[in-house]
Amino acid sequence: MITLGIPALLLTLMFWDVPTAPAVTICGFRNLTGLSCPGCGITRGLSALLHGELLEAVRFNPLAIPASLFSILVWLRSLCVLTNQTSTLNWIDRLLAWRHHRRLMWALLAILAAFWLWRVGVYLQARGFQAAVQEGWLYRLFHQASA
Protein backbone atom coordinates (compact mmCIF):
# COMPACT_ATOMS: atom_id res chain seq x y z
CA MET A 1 0.00 0.00 0.00
CA ILE A 2 2.85 2.39 0.86
CA THR A 3 4.48 1.60 -2.48
CA LEU A 4 1.46 2.97 -4.32
CA GLY A 5 0.20 5.51 -1.80
CA ILE A 6 3.23 7.78 -1.49
CA PRO A 7 3.74 8.27 -5.28
CA ALA A 8 0.00 8.88 -5.67
CA LEU A 9 0.15 11.55 -2.94
CA LEU A 10 3.21 13.17 -4.50
CA LEU A 11 1.64 13.25 -7.97
CA THR A 12 -1.55 14.71 -6.55
CA LEU A 13 0.36 17.44 -4.72
CA MET A 14 2.48 18.23 -7.78
CA PHE A 15 -0.50 18.85 -10.05
CA TRP A 16 -3.08 20.13 -7.56
CA ASP A 17 -2.67 23.57 -6.06
CA VAL A 18 -3.26 22.97 -2.38
CA PRO A 19 -5.23 25.85 -0.82
CA THR A 20 -2.78 27.90 1.22
CA ALA A 21 -5.33 29.77 3.30
CA PRO A 22 -5.03 28.75 6.97
CA ALA A 23 -8.82 28.37 7.18
CA VAL A 24 -8.72 25.43 4.74
CA THR A 25 -7.65 22.35 6.69
CA ILE A 26 -7.88 18.57 6.61
CA CYS A 27 -6.67 18.27 10.22
CA GLY A 28 -9.23 16.63 12.47
CA PHE A 29 -7.69 18.11 15.63
CA ARG A 30 -7.80 21.64 14.24
CA ASN A 31 -11.35 21.21 12.97
CA LEU A 32 -12.39 19.91 16.38
CA THR A 33 -10.60 22.39 18.65
CA GLY A 34 -9.63 25.36 16.47
CA LEU A 35 -5.96 24.84 17.44
CA SER A 36 -3.19 23.51 15.21
CA CYS A 37 -1.62 20.11 15.77
CA PRO A 38 2.15 19.57 15.28
CA GLY A 39 1.47 18.26 11.77
CA CYS A 40 -0.74 21.12 10.56
CA GLY A 41 0.77 22.53 7.39
CA ILE A 42 2.80 19.48 6.40
CA THR A 43 0.58 18.79 3.36
CA ARG A 44 0.92 22.41 2.20
CA GLY A 45 4.65 22.27 3.01
CA LEU A 46 5.11 19.12 0.95
CA SER A 47 3.23 20.74 -1.93
CA ALA A 48 5.50 23.78 -1.69
CA LEU A 49 8.58 21.51 -1.67
CA LEU A 50 7.37 19.74 -4.79
CA HIS A 51 7.02 23.13 -6.48
CA GLY A 52 10.57 24.10 -5.45
CA GLU A 53 9.53 26.60 -2.76
CA LEU A 54 11.74 25.60 0.18
CA LEU A 55 11.16 28.70 2.32
CA GLU A 56 7.41 28.49 1.78
CA ALA A 57 7.51 24.84 2.88
CA VAL A 58 9.33 25.80 6.09
CA ARG A 59 6.82 28.60 6.69
CA PHE A 60 3.90 26.16 6.48
CA ASN A 61 5.58 23.68 8.83
CA PRO A 62 9.30 23.14 9.49
CA LEU A 63 8.56 19.44 9.95
CA ALA A 64 7.55 19.14 6.27
CA ILE A 65 11.15 18.58 5.18
CA PRO A 66 12.08 15.79 7.64
CA ALA A 67 8.64 14.20 7.19
CA SER A 68 9.17 14.20 3.42
CA LEU A 69 12.61 12.64 3.71
CA PHE A 70 11.33 9.98 6.10
CA SER A 71 8.41 9.18 3.78
CA ILE A 72 10.75 8.82 0.81
CA LEU A 73 12.97 6.43 2.77
CA VAL A 74 9.98 4.34 3.83
CA TRP A 75 8.78 4.26 0.22
CA LEU A 76 12.22 3.23 -1.08
CA ARG A 77 12.37 0.53 1.60
CA SER A 78 9.02 -0.88 0.49
CA LEU A 79 10.26 -0.95 -3.12
CA CYS A 80 13.40 -2.80 -2.02
CA VAL A 81 11.30 -5.39 -0.19
CA LEU A 82 9.11 -5.91 -3.26
CA THR A 83 12.07 -6.20 -5.65
CA ASN A 84 14.27 -8.19 -3.23
CA GLN A 85 17.09 -5.62 -3.26
CA THR A 86 18.74 -6.77 -0.03
CA SER A 87 21.88 -4.61 -0.19
CA THR A 88 19.87 -1.41 -0.64
CA LEU A 89 17.35 -2.62 1.94
CA ASN A 90 20.15 -3.13 4.49
CA TRP A 91 21.49 0.37 3.77
CA ILE A 92 18.05 1.94 4.28
CA ASP A 93 17.52 -0.09 7.46
CA ARG A 94 20.81 1.29 8.82
CA LEU A 95 19.59 4.82 8.02
CA LEU A 96 16.30 4.14 9.81
CA ALA A 97 17.91 2.35 12.80
CA TRP A 98 17.56 5.48 14.97
CA ARG A 99 13.86 4.62 15.34
CA HIS A 100 14.79 1.81 17.74
CA HIS A 101 16.69 3.98 20.24
CA ARG A 102 14.29 4.78 23.08
CA ARG A 103 16.17 7.81 24.44
CA LEU A 104 16.38 9.38 21.02
CA MET A 105 12.68 8.77 20.42
CA TRP A 106 11.81 10.36 23.78
CA ALA A 107 14.03 13.35 22.93
CA LEU A 108 12.33 13.72 19.53
CA LEU A 109 8.93 13.47 21.21
CA ALA A 110 9.94 16.21 23.68
CA ILE A 111 11.11 18.42 20.80
CA LEU A 112 7.82 17.80 18.98
CA ALA A 113 5.83 18.70 22.11
CA ALA A 114 7.88 21.88 22.62
CA PHE A 115 7.37 22.81 18.95
CA TRP A 116 3.64 22.25 19.32
CA LEU A 117 3.38 24.37 22.48
CA TRP A 118 5.42 27.15 20.86
CA ARG A 119 3.25 27.03 17.74
CA VAL A 120 -0.01 27.11 19.69
CA GLY A 121 1.37 29.96 21.83
CA VAL A 122 2.25 32.04 18.78
CA TYR A 123 -1.16 31.31 17.24
CA LEU A 124 -3.04 32.22 20.42
CA GLN A 125 -1.01 35.39 20.84
CA ALA A 126 -1.88 36.47 17.30
CA ARG A 127 -5.56 35.44 17.36
CA GLY A 128 -6.54 35.34 21.00
CA PHE A 129 -7.80 32.23 22.77
CA GLN A 130 -11.50 32.99 22.33
CA ALA A 131 -11.24 33.64 18.58
CA ALA A 132 -9.10 30.54 18.01
CA VAL A 133 -11.35 28.19 19.96
CA GLN A 134 -14.50 29.55 18.30
CA GLU A 135 -13.24 28.10 15.01
CA GLY A 136 -13.53 24.53 16.34
CA TRP A 137 -16.51 22.20 16.10
CA LEU A 138 -16.50 21.54 19.85
CA TYR A 139 -17.09 25.21 20.65
CA ARG A 140 -19.86 25.47 18.09
CA LEU A 141 -21.48 22.27 19.34
CA PHE A 142 -21.49 23.31 23.01
CA HIS A 143 -22.24 26.96 22.30
CA GLN A 144 -25.30 26.05 20.23
CA ALA A 145 -26.44 23.50 22.82
CA SER A 146 -26.33 26.09 25.61
CA ALA A 147 -28.04 28.82 23.55
C-alpha atoms as a PDB file:
ATOM      1  CA  MET A   1       0.000   0.000   0.000  1.00  0.00           C
ATOM      2  CA  ILE A   2       2.851   2.387   0.861  1.00  0.00           C
ATOM      3  CA  THR A   3       4.483   1.601  -2.478  1.00  0.00           C
ATOM      4  CA  LEU A   4       1.463   2.965  -4.324  1.00  0.00           C
ATOM      5  CA  GLY A   5       0.196   5.514  -1.803  1.00  0.00           C
ATOM      6  CA  ILE A   6       3.232   7.777  -1.492  1.00  0.00           C
ATOM      7  CA  PRO A   7       3.740   8.266  -5.277  1.00  0.00           C
ATOM      8  CA  ALA A   8      -0.004   8.882  -5.669  1.00  0.00           C
ATOM      9  CA  LEU A   9       0.146  11.547  -2.941  1.00  0.00           C
ATOM     10  CA  LEU A  10       3.209  13.172  -4.504  1.00  0.00           C
ATOM     11  CA  LEU A  11       1.644  13.255  -7.970  1.00  0.00           C
ATOM     12  CA  THR A  12      -1.551  14.709  -6.555  1.00  0.00           C
ATOM     13  CA  LEU A  13       0.357  17.440  -4.719  1.00  0.00           C
ATOM     14  CA  MET A  14       2.477  18.226  -7.783  1.00  0.00           C
ATOM     15  CA  PHE A  15      -0.502  18.846 -10.052  1.00  0.00           C
ATOM     16  CA  TRP A  16      -3.076  20.126  -7.565  1.00  0.00           C
ATOM     17  CA  ASP A  17      -2.670  23.573  -6.061  1.00  0.00           C
ATOM     18  CA  VAL A  18      -3.263  22.975  -2.376  1.00  0.00           C
ATOM     19  CA  PRO A  19      -5.229  25.851  -0.817  1.00  0.00           C
ATOM     20  CA  THR A  20      -2.778  27.902   1.222  1.00  0.00           C
ATOM     21  CA  ALA A  21      -5.327  29.774   3.299  1.00  0.00           C
ATOM     22  CA  PRO A  22      -5.035  28.752   6.967  1.00  0.00           C
ATOM     23  CA  ALA A  23      -8.821  28.369   7.179  1.00  0.00           C
ATOM     24  CA  VAL A  24      -8.719  25.428   4.745  1.00  0.00           C
ATOM     25  CA  THR A  25      -7.646  22.348   6.688  1.00  0.00           C
ATOM     26  CA  ILE A  26      -7.884  18.566   6.614  1.00  0.00           C
ATOM     27  CA  CYS A  27      -6.671  18.265  10.216  1.00  0.00           C
ATOM     28  CA  GLY A  28      -9.234  16.625  12.473  1.00  0.00           C
ATOM     29  CA  PHE A  29      -7.686  18.106  15.629  1.00  0.00           C
ATOM     30  CA  ARG A  30      -7.802  21.642  14.237  1.00  0.00           C
ATOM     31  CA  ASN A  31     -11.355  21.209  12.968  1.00  0.00           C
ATOM     32  CA  LEU A  32     -12.388  19.906  16.380  1.00  0.00           C
ATOM     33  CA  THR A  33     -10.597  22.389  18.647  1.00  0.00           C
ATOM     34  CA  GLY A  34      -9.627  25.359  16.471  1.00  0.00           C
ATOM     35  CA  LEU A  35      -5.959  24.839  17.437  1.00  0.00           C
ATOM     36  CA  SER A  36      -3.188  23.510  15.210  1.00  0.00           C
ATOM     37  CA  CYS A  37      -1.621  20.110  15.774  1.00  0.00           C
ATOM     38  CA  PRO A  38       2.146  19.569  15.275  1.00  0.00           C
ATOM     39  CA  GLY A  39       1.475  18.264  11.771  1.00  0.00           C
ATOM     40  CA  CYS A  40      -0.737  21.116  10.560  1.00  0.00           C
ATOM     41  CA  GLY A  41       0.767  22.535   7.391  1.00  0.00           C
ATOM     42  CA  ILE A  42       2.802  19.477   6.396  1.00  0.00           C
ATOM     43  CA  THR A  43       0.584  18.790   3.364  1.00  0.00           C
ATOM     44  CA  ARG A  44       0.920  22.406   2.205  1.00  0.00           C
ATOM     45  CA  GLY A  45       4.646  22.270   3.009  1.00  0.00           C
ATOM     46  CA  LEU A  46       5.108  19.120   0.952  1.00  0.00           C
ATOM     47  CA  SER A  47       3.228  20.736  -1.930  1.00  0.00           C
ATOM     48  CA  ALA A  48       5.499  23.783  -1.690  1.00  0.00           C
ATOM     49  CA  LEU A  49       8.580  21.514  -1.668  1.00  0.00           C
ATOM     50  CA  LEU A  50       7.369  19.737  -4.794  1.00  0.00           C
ATOM     51  CA  HIS A  51       7.023  23.130  -6.483  1.00  0.00           C
ATOM     52  CA  GLY A  52      10.573  24.104  -5.452  1.00  0.00           C
ATOM     53  CA  GLU A  53       9.533  26.598  -2.765  1.00  0.00           C
ATOM     54  CA  LEU A  54      11.745  25.605   0.176  1.00  0.00           C
ATOM     55  CA  LEU A  55      11.160  28.702   2.320  1.00  0.00           C
ATOM     56  CA  GLU A  56       7.411  28.487   1.781  1.00  0.00           C
ATOM     57  CA  ALA A  57       7.513  24.837   2.881  1.00  0.00           C
ATOM     58  CA  VAL A  58       9.325  25.797   6.095  1.00  0.00           C
ATOM     59  CA  ARG A  59       6.824  28.601   6.690  1.00  0.00           C
ATOM     60  CA  PHE A  60       3.901  26.162   6.484  1.00  0.00           C
ATOM     61  CA  ASN A  61       5.576  23.678   8.827  1.00  0.00           C
ATOM     62  CA  PRO A  62       9.304  23.144   9.489  1.00  0.00           C
ATOM     63  CA  LEU A  63       8.560  19.438   9.954  1.00  0.00           C
ATOM     64  CA  ALA A  64       7.548  19.140   6.270  1.00  0.00           C
ATOM     65  CA  ILE A  65      11.147  18.577   5.180  1.00  0.00           C
ATOM     66  CA  PRO A  66      12.080  15.791   7.641  1.00  0.00           C
ATOM     67  CA  ALA A  67       8.639  14.204   7.189  1.00  0.00           C
ATOM     68  CA  SER A  68       9.171  14.199   3.420  1.00  0.00           C
ATOM     69  CA  LEU A  69      12.615  12.639   3.710  1.00  0.00           C
ATOM     70  CA  PHE A  70      11.334   9.980   6.101  1.00  0.00           C
ATOM     71  CA  SER A  71       8.414   9.184   3.779  1.00  0.00           C
ATOM     72  CA  ILE A  72      10.751   8.823   0.806  1.00  0.00           C
ATOM     73  CA  LEU A  73      12.974   6.434   2.773  1.00  0.00           C
ATOM     74  CA  VAL A  74       9.984   4.336   3.828  1.00  0.00           C
ATOM     75  CA  TRP A  75       8.782   4.260   0.223  1.00  0.00           C
ATOM     76  CA  LEU A  76      12.218   3.230  -1.075  1.00  0.00           C
ATOM     77  CA  ARG A  77      12.370   0.534   1.602  1.00  0.00           C
ATOM     78  CA  SER A  78       9.019  -0.881   0.489  1.00  0.00           C
ATOM     79  CA  LEU A  79      10.262  -0.949  -3.120  1.00  0.00           C
ATOM     80  CA  CYS A  80      13.401  -2.800  -2.018  1.00  0.00           C
ATOM     81  CA  VAL A  81      11.303  -5.388  -0.189  1.00  0.00           C
ATOM     82  CA  LEU A  82       9.112  -5.913  -3.262  1.00  0.00           C
ATOM     83  CA  THR A  83      12.068  -6.202  -5.646  1.00  0.00           C
ATOM     84  CA  ASN A  84      14.267  -8.193  -3.229  1.00  0.00           C
ATOM     85  CA  GLN A  85      17.086  -5.615  -3.263  1.00  0.00           C
ATOM     86  CA  THR A  86      18.739  -6.766  -0.028  1.00  0.00           C
ATOM     87  CA  SER A  87      21.882  -4.608  -0.189  1.00  0.00           C
ATOM     88  CA  THR A  88      19.871  -1.405  -0.639  1.00  0.00           C
ATOM     89  CA  LEU A  89      17.355  -2.618   1.941  1.00  0.00           C
ATOM     90  CA  ASN A  90      20.145  -3.130   4.493  1.00  0.00           C
ATOM     91  CA  TRP A  91      21.495   0.366   3.774  1.00  0.00           C
ATOM     92  CA  ILE A  92      18.053   1.938   4.275  1.00  0.00           C
ATOM     93  CA  ASP A  93      17.518  -0.095   7.456  1.00  0.00           C
ATOM     94  CA  ARG A  94      20.809   1.291   8.821  1.00  0.00           C
ATOM     95  CA  LEU A  95      19.586   4.820   8.018  1.00  0.00           C
ATOM     96  CA  LEU A  96      16.299   4.136   9.811  1.00  0.00           C
ATOM     97  CA  ALA A  97      17.906   2.352  12.798  1.00  0.00           C
ATOM     98  CA  TRP A  98      17.562   5.475  14.971  1.00  0.00           C
ATOM     99  CA  ARG A  99      13.857   4.618  15.342  1.00  0.00           C
ATOM    100  CA  HIS A 100      14.792   1.807  17.737  1.00  0.00           C
ATOM    101  CA  HIS A 101      16.688   3.983  20.245  1.00  0.00           C
ATOM    102  CA  ARG A 102      14.293   4.780  23.080  1.00  0.00           C
ATOM    103  CA  ARG A 103      16.167   7.807  24.436  1.00  0.00           C
ATOM    104  CA  LEU A 104      16.379   9.376  21.024  1.00  0.00           C
ATOM    105  CA  MET A 105      12.678   8.774  20.418  1.00  0.00           C
ATOM    106  CA  TRP A 106      11.807  10.363  23.779  1.00  0.00           C
ATOM    107  CA  ALA A 107      14.027  13.346  22.927  1.00  0.00           C
ATOM    108  CA  LEU A 108      12.326  13.724  19.534  1.00  0.00           C
ATOM    109  CA  LEU A 109       8.926  13.474  21.210  1.00  0.00           C
ATOM    110  CA  ALA A 110       9.935  16.213  23.683  1.00  0.00           C
ATOM    111  CA  ILE A 111      11.110  18.420  20.805  1.00  0.00           C
ATOM    112  CA  LEU A 112       7.825  17.795  18.984  1.00  0.00           C
ATOM    113  CA  ALA A 113       5.827  18.702  22.109  1.00  0.00           C
ATOM    114  CA  ALA A 114       7.882  21.885  22.617  1.00  0.00           C
ATOM    115  CA  PHE A 115       7.372  22.809  18.952  1.00  0.00           C
ATOM    116  CA  TRP A 116       3.643  22.253  19.321  1.00  0.00           C
ATOM    117  CA  LEU A 117       3.384  24.373  22.483  1.00  0.00           C
ATOM    118  CA  TRP A 118       5.420  27.147  20.859  1.00  0.00           C
ATOM    119  CA  ARG A 119       3.253  27.027  17.737  1.00  0.00           C
ATOM    120  CA  VAL A 120      -0.008  27.108  19.687  1.00  0.00           C
ATOM    121  CA  GLY A 121       1.368  29.956  21.830  1.00  0.00           C
ATOM    122  CA  VAL A 122       2.249  32.040  18.777  1.00  0.00           C
ATOM    123  CA  TYR A 123      -1.164  31.309  17.238  1.00  0.00           C
ATOM    124  CA  LEU A 124      -3.040  32.219  20.415  1.00  0.00           C
ATOM    125  CA  GLN A 125      -1.006  35.391  20.836  1.00  0.00           C
ATOM    126  CA  ALA A 126      -1.882  36.468  17.298  1.00  0.00           C
ATOM    127  CA  ARG A 127      -5.560  35.443  17.357  1.00  0.00           C
ATOM    128  CA  GLY A 128      -6.536  35.336  20.999  1.00  0.00           C
ATOM    129  CA  PHE A 129      -7.804  32.230  22.769  1.00  0.00           C
ATOM    130  CA  GLN A 130     -11.497  32.988  22.328  1.00  0.00           C
ATOM    131  CA  ALA A 131     -11.237  33.641  18.576  1.00  0.00           C
ATOM    132  CA  ALA A 132      -9.103  30.540  18.010  1.00  0.00           C
ATOM    133  CA  VAL A 133     -11.347  28.190  19.960  1.00  0.00           C
ATOM    134  CA  GLN A 134     -14.496  29.554  18.301  1.00  0.00           C
ATOM    135  CA  GLU A 135     -13.243  28.098  15.008  1.00  0.00           C
ATOM    136  CA  GLY A 136     -13.526  24.530  16.337  1.00  0.00           C
ATOM    137  CA  TRP A 137     -16.505  22.203  16.103  1.00  0.00           C
ATOM    138  CA  LEU A 138     -16.498  21.544  19.851  1.00  0.00           C
ATOM    139  CA  TYR A 139     -17.085  25.206  20.649  1.00  0.00           C
ATOM    140  CA  ARG A 140     -19.859  25.468  18.086  1.00  0.00           C
ATOM    141  CA  LEU A 141     -21.483  22.273  19.340  1.00  0.00           C
ATOM    142  CA  PHE A 142     -21.489  23.305  23.007  1.00  0.00           C
ATOM    143  CA  HIS A 143     -22.244  26.958  22.297  1.00  0.00           C
ATOM    144  CA  GLN A 144     -25.305  26.054  20.229  1.00  0.00           C
ATOM    145  CA  ALA A 145     -26.437  23.497  22.817  1.00  0.00           C
ATOM    146  CA  SER A 146     -26.329  26.088  25.609  1.00  0.00           C
ATOM    147  CA  ALA A 147     -28.035  28.823  23.555  1.00  0.00           C
END
